[in-house]
Amino acid sequence: MLEECGLNYRVIPVDIGKGEQFHPSFLEISPNNRMPVIVDHLEQEPAISIFESGAILIYLAEKTGKFLPNKMRERMEVIEWLSWQIANFGPMAGQMSHFTNYAPKDLNNDYALDRYAREYNRCLGVLNNRLEKREFICGEYSIADIATWPWLLPYKAFGESLDTFTHVQRWHKNIKKRTGASNGVNVRKDLRRTNPPSAQEREILFGQSSRSLKK
C-alpha cells in the first residue's frame, strides 16, 4: 500500500525469532505483539501509530484519498471484501502456512492440513465467483485487492492450482503487473527466513500465552 500510494517510508525490521515483538517499546504501538504496525510522523506531534493490516489500509487510503471510494455503497463494498480477507482468506492461508512449514514433522497433521486446505480452496472459489464479471474484487482496484493478493502468492506451496480458478488467475496476473504491488511484496526480501526455526525460536514464535503480554 505504501508503494502503491507513493509514500515515503522507512522499514524497521523486528526479529520475531529473538522475541523483539515482546519488547515494551513495541507493545506500546502494537498491543497484539504482531506486525504490521506503522507510525505516521505527522506535521504536528504526537505521531500516530496504527496496528493490524485492515486498519492500516483504511488509514492510508483515507490519508491519500486512494483505493477506497467516497460513495457509501461502493465504500462499504470494499470494506466488506477487506473484512472477508481479514476473517477468511488470510487466516486460512496463515494456518496452511503454519502446518505446511512449521508444524513438527513427527506429529500427525493430516486433519489440520485437510481442514485448512479445504477452506483455502473454498475461499479461492468465493474469490473466483466474485471476479467472474469484474477486473478487480470491487470493480476498481482497491484496498480489498491489496489485502487479498499477498495471501494468494503461496498457493503452489499449499498444493493448489489456479487451473480451475480462471478469473483468479487473470486477476493475479493483472496485479502482478502493477509496479507498486510487485515492489511491495519484495520489500526487504533479504530478511525472509530460509531455514527452519531452532527450538528456541520455535518456543518464542509458537509457545506464547497471556503471560507474554506482561510489561
C-alpha atoms as a PDB file:
ATOM      1  CA  MET A   1       0.000   0.000   0.000  1.00  0.00           C
ATOM      2  CA  LEU A   2       2.846   2.367   0.786  1.00  0.00           C
ATOM      3  CA  GLU A   3       4.373   1.630  -2.612  1.00  0.00           C
ATOM      4  CA  GLU A   4       1.026   1.934  -4.396  1.00  0.00           C
ATOM      5  CA  CYS A   5       0.415   5.319  -2.773  1.00  0.00           C
ATOM      6  CA  GLY A   6       3.925   6.575  -3.484  1.00  0.00           C
ATOM      7  CA  LEU A   7       4.545   7.436   0.169  1.00  0.00           C
ATOM      8  CA  ASN A   8       7.982   7.811   1.673  1.00  0.00           C
ATOM      9  CA  TYR A   9       8.634   5.311   4.449  1.00  0.00           C
ATOM     10  CA  ARG A  10      11.350   3.633   6.470  1.00  0.00           C
ATOM     11  CA  VAL A  11      11.301  -0.074   7.291  1.00  0.00           C
ATOM     12  CA  ILE A  12      12.319  -1.009  10.834  1.00  0.00           C
ATOM     13  CA  PRO A  13      12.840  -4.798  10.990  1.00  0.00           C
ATOM     14  CA  VAL A  14      11.613  -6.712  14.052  1.00  0.00           C
ATOM     15  CA  ASP A  15      13.331 -10.054  14.691  1.00  0.00           C
ATOM     16  CA  ILE A  16      10.443 -12.218  15.857  1.00  0.00           C
ATOM     17  CA  GLY A  17      12.770 -15.206  16.260  1.00  0.00           C
ATOM     18  CA  LYS A  18      14.569 -13.291  19.011  1.00  0.00           C
ATOM     19  CA  GLY A  19      11.326 -12.084  20.598  1.00  0.00           C
ATOM     20  CA  GLU A  20      11.747  -8.407  19.733  1.00  0.00           C
ATOM     21  CA  GLN A  21       7.974  -8.210  19.223  1.00  0.00           C
ATOM     22  CA  PHE A  22       7.568  -8.573  23.004  1.00  0.00           C
ATOM     23  CA  HIS A  23       9.739  -5.607  23.922  1.00  0.00           C
ATOM     24  CA  PRO A  24       7.775  -2.953  25.863  1.00  0.00           C
ATOM     25  CA  SER A  25       8.541  -0.306  23.222  1.00  0.00           C
ATOM     26  CA  PHE A  26       6.960  -2.466  20.514  1.00  0.00           C
ATOM     27  CA  LEU A  27       3.994  -3.371  22.731  1.00  0.00           C
ATOM     28  CA  GLU A  28       3.207   0.335  23.025  1.00  0.00           C
ATOM     29  CA  ILE A  29       2.485   0.597  19.303  1.00  0.00           C
ATOM     30  CA  SER A  30       1.324  -2.987  18.665  1.00  0.00           C
ATOM     31  CA  PRO A  31      -0.717  -4.320  21.621  1.00  0.00           C
ATOM     32  CA  ASN A  32      -1.125  -7.679  19.845  1.00  0.00           C
ATOM     33  CA  ASN A  33       2.674  -8.154  19.559  1.00  0.00           C
ATOM     34  CA  ARG A  34       2.294  -8.690  15.838  1.00  0.00           C
ATOM     35  CA  MET A  35       3.161  -6.982  12.590  1.00  0.00           C
ATOM     36  CA  PRO A  36       2.401  -4.963  10.614  1.00  0.00           C
ATOM     37  CA  VAL A  37       2.330  -1.697  12.500  1.00  0.00           C
ATOM     38  CA  ILE A  38       3.087   1.778  11.185  1.00  0.00           C
ATOM     39  CA  VAL A  39       3.935   5.059  12.855  1.00  0.00           C
ATOM     40  CA  ASP A  40       2.947   8.175  10.946  1.00  0.00           C
ATOM     41  CA  HIS A  41       5.028  11.168  11.974  1.00  0.00           C
ATOM     42  CA  LEU A  42       2.521  13.874  11.252  1.00  0.00           C
ATOM     43  CA  GLU A  43       3.410  17.527  10.714  1.00  0.00           C
ATOM     44  CA  GLN A  44       2.237  18.145  14.251  1.00  0.00           C
ATOM     45  CA  GLU A  45       3.190  15.852  17.131  1.00  0.00           C
ATOM     46  CA  PRO A  46       2.397  13.455  18.574  1.00  0.00           C
ATOM     47  CA  ALA A  47       2.863  10.797  15.921  1.00  0.00           C
ATOM     48  CA  ILE A  48       0.056   8.293  15.383  1.00  0.00           C
ATOM     49  CA  SER A  49       0.614   4.530  15.391  1.00  0.00           C
ATOM     50  CA  ILE A  50      -1.726   2.041  13.714  1.00  0.00           C
ATOM     51  CA  PHE A  51      -1.612  -1.728  14.074  1.00  0.00           C
ATOM     52  CA  GLU A  52      -3.489  -4.501  12.182  1.00  0.00           C
ATOM     53  CA  SER A  53      -3.379  -4.622   8.398  1.00  0.00           C
ATOM     54  CA  GLY A  54      -7.020  -3.697   7.784  1.00  0.00           C
ATOM     55  CA  ALA A  55      -6.820  -0.591   9.959  1.00  0.00           C
ATOM     56  CA  ILE A  56      -3.537   0.406   8.307  1.00  0.00           C
ATOM     57  CA  LEU A  57      -5.013   0.057   4.821  1.00  0.00           C
ATOM     58  CA  ILE A  58      -8.080   2.125   5.692  1.00  0.00           C
ATOM     59  CA  TYR A  59      -5.920   4.789   7.346  1.00  0.00           C
ATOM     60  CA  LEU A  60      -3.582   5.107   4.369  1.00  0.00           C
ATOM     61  CA  ALA A  61      -6.499   5.088   1.928  1.00  0.00           C
ATOM     62  CA  GLU A  62      -8.161   7.946   3.806  1.00  0.00           C
ATOM     63  CA  LYS A  63      -4.880   9.807   4.202  1.00  0.00           C
ATOM     64  CA  THR A  64      -4.104   9.699   0.480  1.00  0.00           C
ATOM     65  CA  GLY A  65      -7.600   9.554  -0.993  1.00  0.00           C
ATOM     66  CA  LYS A  66      -6.689   6.391  -2.924  1.00  0.00           C
ATOM     67  CA  PHE A  67      -8.125   2.881  -3.299  1.00  0.00           C
ATOM     68  CA  LEU A  68     -11.228   3.453  -1.134  1.00  0.00           C
ATOM     69  CA  PRO A  69     -14.300   5.047  -2.760  1.00  0.00           C
ATOM     70  CA  ASN A  70     -16.053   8.013  -1.181  1.00  0.00           C
ATOM     71  CA  LYS A  71     -19.603   6.982  -2.116  1.00  0.00           C
ATOM     72  CA  MET A  72     -21.202   4.958   0.658  1.00  0.00           C
ATOM     73  CA  ARG A  73     -22.357   1.962  -1.406  1.00  0.00           C
ATOM     74  CA  GLU A  74     -19.005   1.455  -3.139  1.00  0.00           C
ATOM     75  CA  ARG A  75     -17.079   2.218   0.044  1.00  0.00           C
ATOM     76  CA  MET A  76     -18.942  -0.399   2.078  1.00  0.00           C
ATOM     77  CA  GLU A  77     -18.470  -2.961  -0.667  1.00  0.00           C
ATOM     78  CA  VAL A  78     -14.696  -2.518  -0.423  1.00  0.00           C
ATOM     79  CA  ILE A  79     -14.816  -2.715   3.384  1.00  0.00           C
ATOM     80  CA  GLU A  80     -16.923  -5.885   3.142  1.00  0.00           C
ATOM     81  CA  TRP A  81     -14.325  -7.615   0.992  1.00  0.00           C
ATOM     82  CA  LEU A  82     -11.469  -6.283   3.080  1.00  0.00           C
ATOM     83  CA  SER A  83     -13.238  -7.833   6.079  1.00  0.00           C
ATOM     84  CA  TRP A  84     -13.663 -11.095   4.142  1.00  0.00           C
ATOM     85  CA  GLN A  85      -9.916 -11.248   3.620  1.00  0.00           C
ATOM     86  CA  ILE A  86      -9.174 -10.481   7.267  1.00  0.00           C
ATOM     87  CA  ALA A  87     -11.658 -13.040   8.604  1.00  0.00           C
ATOM     88  CA  ASN A  88     -11.403 -15.787   5.991  1.00  0.00           C
ATOM     89  CA  PHE A  89      -8.781 -15.901   3.255  1.00  0.00           C
ATOM     90  CA  GLY A  90      -5.863 -14.562   5.306  1.00  0.00           C
ATOM     91  CA  PRO A  91      -6.352 -16.770   8.390  1.00  0.00           C
ATOM     92  CA  MET A  92      -6.878 -19.905   6.289  1.00  0.00           C
ATOM     93  CA  ALA A  93      -3.682 -19.203   4.323  1.00  0.00           C
ATOM     94  CA  GLY A  94      -1.839 -18.418   7.536  1.00  0.00           C
ATOM     95  CA  GLN A  95      -2.831 -21.714   9.141  1.00  0.00           C
ATOM     96  CA  MET A  96      -1.968 -23.595   5.966  1.00  0.00           C
ATOM     97  CA  SER A  97       1.457 -21.989   6.054  1.00  0.00           C
ATOM     98  CA  HIS A  98       1.958 -22.954   9.690  1.00  0.00           C
ATOM     99  CA  PHE A  99       1.055 -26.613   9.300  1.00  0.00           C
ATOM    100  CA  THR A 100       2.898 -26.863   5.989  1.00  0.00           C
ATOM    101  CA  ASN A 101       6.102 -25.130   7.041  1.00  0.00           C
ATOM    102  CA  TYR A 102       6.389 -25.099  10.824  1.00  0.00           C
ATOM    103  CA  ALA A 103       4.390 -27.880  12.479  1.00  0.00           C
ATOM    104  CA  PRO A 104       6.612 -30.674  13.899  1.00  0.00           C
ATOM    105  CA  LYS A 105       7.007 -33.416  11.321  1.00  0.00           C
ATOM    106  CA  ASP A 106       6.637 -36.158  13.922  1.00  0.00           C
ATOM    107  CA  LEU A 107       3.021 -35.180  14.579  1.00  0.00           C
ATOM    108  CA  ASN A 108       0.044 -36.306  12.542  1.00  0.00           C
ATOM    109  CA  ASN A 109      -1.131 -33.071  10.945  1.00  0.00           C
ATOM    110  CA  ASP A 110      -3.375 -34.672   8.331  1.00  0.00           C
ATOM    111  CA  TYR A 111      -6.599 -33.393   9.862  1.00  0.00           C
ATOM    112  CA  ALA A 112      -5.301 -29.830  10.223  1.00  0.00           C
ATOM    113  CA  LEU A 113      -3.864 -29.775   6.713  1.00  0.00           C
ATOM    114  CA  ASP A 114      -7.082 -31.150   5.227  1.00  0.00           C
ATOM    115  CA  ARG A 115      -9.182 -28.684   7.209  1.00  0.00           C
ATOM    116  CA  TYR A 116      -7.253 -25.591   6.112  1.00  0.00           C
ATOM    117  CA  ALA A 117      -6.599 -26.836   2.582  1.00  0.00           C
ATOM    118  CA  ARG A 118     -10.338 -27.236   2.053  1.00  0.00           C
ATOM    119  CA  GLU A 119     -11.085 -23.784   3.469  1.00  0.00           C
ATOM    120  CA  TYR A 120      -8.330 -22.167   1.396  1.00  0.00           C
ATOM    121  CA  ASN A 121      -9.749 -23.898  -1.670  1.00  0.00           C
ATOM    122  CA  ARG A 122     -13.269 -22.761  -0.770  1.00  0.00           C
ATOM    123  CA  CYS A 123     -12.076 -19.178  -0.407  1.00  0.00           C
ATOM    124  CA  LEU A 124     -10.482 -19.388  -3.844  1.00  0.00           C
ATOM    125  CA  GLY A 125     -13.888 -20.433  -5.155  1.00  0.00           C
ATOM    126  CA  VAL A 126     -15.554 -17.460  -3.455  1.00  0.00           C
ATOM    127  CA  LEU A 127     -12.957 -15.127  -4.939  1.00  0.00           C
ATOM    128  CA  ASN A 128     -13.251 -16.709  -8.370  1.00  0.00           C
ATOM    129  CA  ASN A 129     -17.038 -16.242  -8.376  1.00  0.00           C
ATOM    130  CA  ARG A 130     -16.632 -12.643  -7.315  1.00  0.00           C
ATOM    131  CA  LEU A 131     -14.170 -11.905 -10.113  1.00  0.00           C
ATOM    132  CA  GLU A 132     -16.231 -13.525 -12.860  1.00  0.00           C
ATOM    133  CA  LYS A 133     -17.588 -10.193 -14.085  1.00  0.00           C
ATOM    134  CA  ARG A 134     -15.057  -7.829 -12.503  1.00  0.00           C
ATOM    135  CA  GLU A 135     -11.463  -6.915 -13.261  1.00  0.00           C
ATOM    136  CA  PHE A 136     -10.811  -6.429  -9.571  1.00  0.00           C
ATOM    137  CA  ILE A 137     -12.692  -7.503  -6.449  1.00  0.00           C
ATOM    138  CA  CYS A 138     -14.857  -4.400  -6.304  1.00  0.00           C
ATOM    139  CA  GLY A 139     -14.547  -3.333  -9.917  1.00  0.00           C
ATOM    140  CA  GLU A 140     -11.846  -0.720  -9.435  1.00  0.00           C
ATOM    141  CA  TYR A 141      -8.520  -1.617  -7.832  1.00  0.00           C
ATOM    142  CA  SER A 142      -8.856  -1.084  -4.071  1.00  0.00           C
ATOM    143  CA  ILE A 143      -7.523  -1.970  -0.635  1.00  0.00           C
ATOM    144  CA  ALA A 144      -9.564  -5.180  -0.892  1.00  0.00           C
ATOM    145  CA  ASP A 145      -7.244  -6.337  -3.691  1.00  0.00           C
ATOM    146  CA  ILE A 146      -4.154  -5.050  -1.897  1.00  0.00           C
ATOM    147  CA  ALA A 147      -5.052  -7.044   1.222  1.00  0.00           C
ATOM    148  CA  THR A 148      -6.036 -10.244  -0.581  1.00  0.00           C
ATOM    149  CA  TRP A 149      -3.368 -10.688  -3.259  1.00  0.00           C
ATOM    150  CA  PRO A 150      -0.377 -11.479  -0.985  1.00  0.00           C
ATOM    151  CA  TRP A 151      -2.275 -14.421   0.524  1.00  0.00           C
ATOM    152  CA  LEU A 152      -2.703 -15.916  -2.943  1.00  0.00           C
ATOM    153  CA  LEU A 153       1.032 -15.907  -3.700  1.00  0.00           C
ATOM    154  CA  PRO A 154       1.931 -19.128  -1.783  1.00  0.00           C
ATOM    155  CA  TYR A 155      -0.833 -21.183  -3.442  1.00  0.00           C
ATOM    156  CA  LYS A 156       1.649 -23.570  -5.103  1.00  0.00           C
ATOM    157  CA  ALA A 157       3.351 -24.305  -1.770  1.00  0.00           C
ATOM    158  CA  PHE A 158      -0.096 -25.231  -0.442  1.00  0.00           C
ATOM    159  CA  GLY A 159      -0.597 -27.758  -3.250  1.00  0.00           C
ATOM    160  CA  GLU A 160      -3.189 -25.607  -5.021  1.00  0.00           C
ATOM    161  CA  SER A 161      -3.581 -24.861  -8.712  1.00  0.00           C
ATOM    162  CA  LEU A 162      -5.319 -21.936 -10.375  1.00  0.00           C
ATOM    163  CA  ASP A 163      -6.273 -24.000 -13.429  1.00  0.00           C
ATOM    164  CA  THR A 164      -9.894 -24.197 -12.319  1.00  0.00           C
ATOM    165  CA  PHE A 165      -9.933 -20.659 -10.953  1.00  0.00           C
ATOM    166  CA  THR A 166      -9.522 -18.840 -14.240  1.00  0.00           C
ATOM    167  CA  HIS A 167     -10.853 -15.499 -13.003  1.00  0.00           C
ATOM    168  CA  VAL A 168      -8.492 -15.553 -10.023  1.00  0.00           C
ATOM    169  CA  GLN A 169      -5.675 -16.425 -12.413  1.00  0.00           C
ATOM    170  CA  ARG A 170      -6.451 -13.387 -14.583  1.00  0.00           C
ATOM    171  CA  TRP A 171      -6.732 -11.135 -11.516  1.00  0.00           C
ATOM    172  CA  HIS A 172      -3.427 -12.448 -10.189  1.00  0.00           C
ATOM    173  CA  LYS A 173      -1.646 -11.663 -13.462  1.00  0.00           C
ATOM    174  CA  ASN A 174      -3.143  -8.160 -13.623  1.00  0.00           C
ATOM    175  CA  ILE A 175      -1.992  -7.263 -10.110  1.00  0.00           C
ATOM    176  CA  LYS A 176       1.423  -8.805 -10.668  1.00  0.00           C
ATOM    177  CA  LYS A 177       1.958  -6.290 -13.481  1.00  0.00           C
ATOM    178  CA  ARG A 178       1.472  -3.362 -11.115  1.00  0.00           C
ATOM    179  CA  THR A 179       4.785  -1.784 -10.150  1.00  0.00           C
ATOM    180  CA  GLY A 180       3.558  -0.831  -6.690  1.00  0.00           C
ATOM    181  CA  ALA A 181       2.319  -4.336  -5.925  1.00  0.00           C
ATOM    182  CA  SER A 182       5.438  -6.119  -7.176  1.00  0.00           C
ATOM    183  CA  ASN A 183       7.705  -3.662  -5.356  1.00  0.00           C
ATOM    184  CA  GLY A 184       5.688  -4.008  -2.181  1.00  0.00           C
ATOM    185  CA  VAL A 185       5.944  -7.785  -1.858  1.00  0.00           C
ATOM    186  CA  ASN A 186       9.703  -7.584  -2.392  1.00  0.00           C
ATOM    187  CA  VAL A 187      10.421  -5.007   0.321  1.00  0.00           C
ATOM    188  CA  ARG A 188      13.303  -6.312   2.471  1.00  0.00           C
ATOM    189  CA  LYS A 189      13.198  -9.639   0.686  1.00  0.00           C
ATOM    190  CA  ASP A 190      16.676 -10.212   2.065  1.00  0.00           C
ATOM    191  CA  LEU A 191      15.212 -10.697   5.546  1.00  0.00           C
ATOM    192  CA  ARG A 192      12.965 -13.620   4.631  1.00  0.00           C
ATOM    193  CA  ARG A 193      13.580 -16.810   6.569  1.00  0.00           C
ATOM    194  CA  THR A 194      15.237 -19.580   4.604  1.00  0.00           C
ATOM    195  CA  ASN A 195      15.954 -22.074   7.398  1.00  0.00           C
ATOM    196  CA  PRO A 196      13.507 -23.772   9.789  1.00  0.00           C
ATOM    197  CA  PRO A 197      13.328 -22.156  13.245  1.00  0.00           C
ATOM    198  CA  SER A 198      15.519 -23.514  16.026  1.00  0.00           C
ATOM    199  CA  ALA A 199      13.953 -24.995  19.155  1.00  0.00           C
ATOM    200  CA  GLN A 200      14.474 -21.685  20.966  1.00  0.00           C
ATOM    201  CA  GLU A 201      12.954 -19.686  18.128  1.00  0.00           C
ATOM    202  CA  ARG A 202      10.026 -22.117  17.927  1.00  0.00           C
ATOM    203  CA  GLU A 203       9.267 -21.535  21.590  1.00  0.00           C
ATOM    204  CA  ILE A 204       9.357 -17.772  21.073  1.00  0.00           C
ATOM    205  CA  LEU A 205       7.215 -17.913  17.930  1.00  0.00           C
ATOM    206  CA  PHE A 206       4.629 -20.501  18.933  1.00  0.00           C
ATOM    207  CA  GLY A 207       4.864 -21.019  22.682  1.00  0.00           C
ATOM    208  CA  GLN A 208       3.397 -17.749  23.911  1.00  0.00           C
ATOM    209  CA  SER A 209       0.464 -17.164  26.243  1.00  0.00           C
ATOM    210  CA  SER A 210      -1.088 -14.174  28.015  1.00  0.00           C
ATOM    211  CA  ARG A 211       1.988 -14.073  30.267  1.00  0.00           C
ATOM    212  CA  SER A 212       3.901 -12.766  27.239  1.00  0.00           C
ATOM    213  CA  LEU A 213       1.916  -9.545  27.470  1.00  0.00           C
ATOM    214  CA  LYS A 214       3.197  -8.593  30.910  1.00  0.00           C
ATOM    215  CA  LYS A 215       5.111  -5.335  30.733  1.00  0.00           C
END
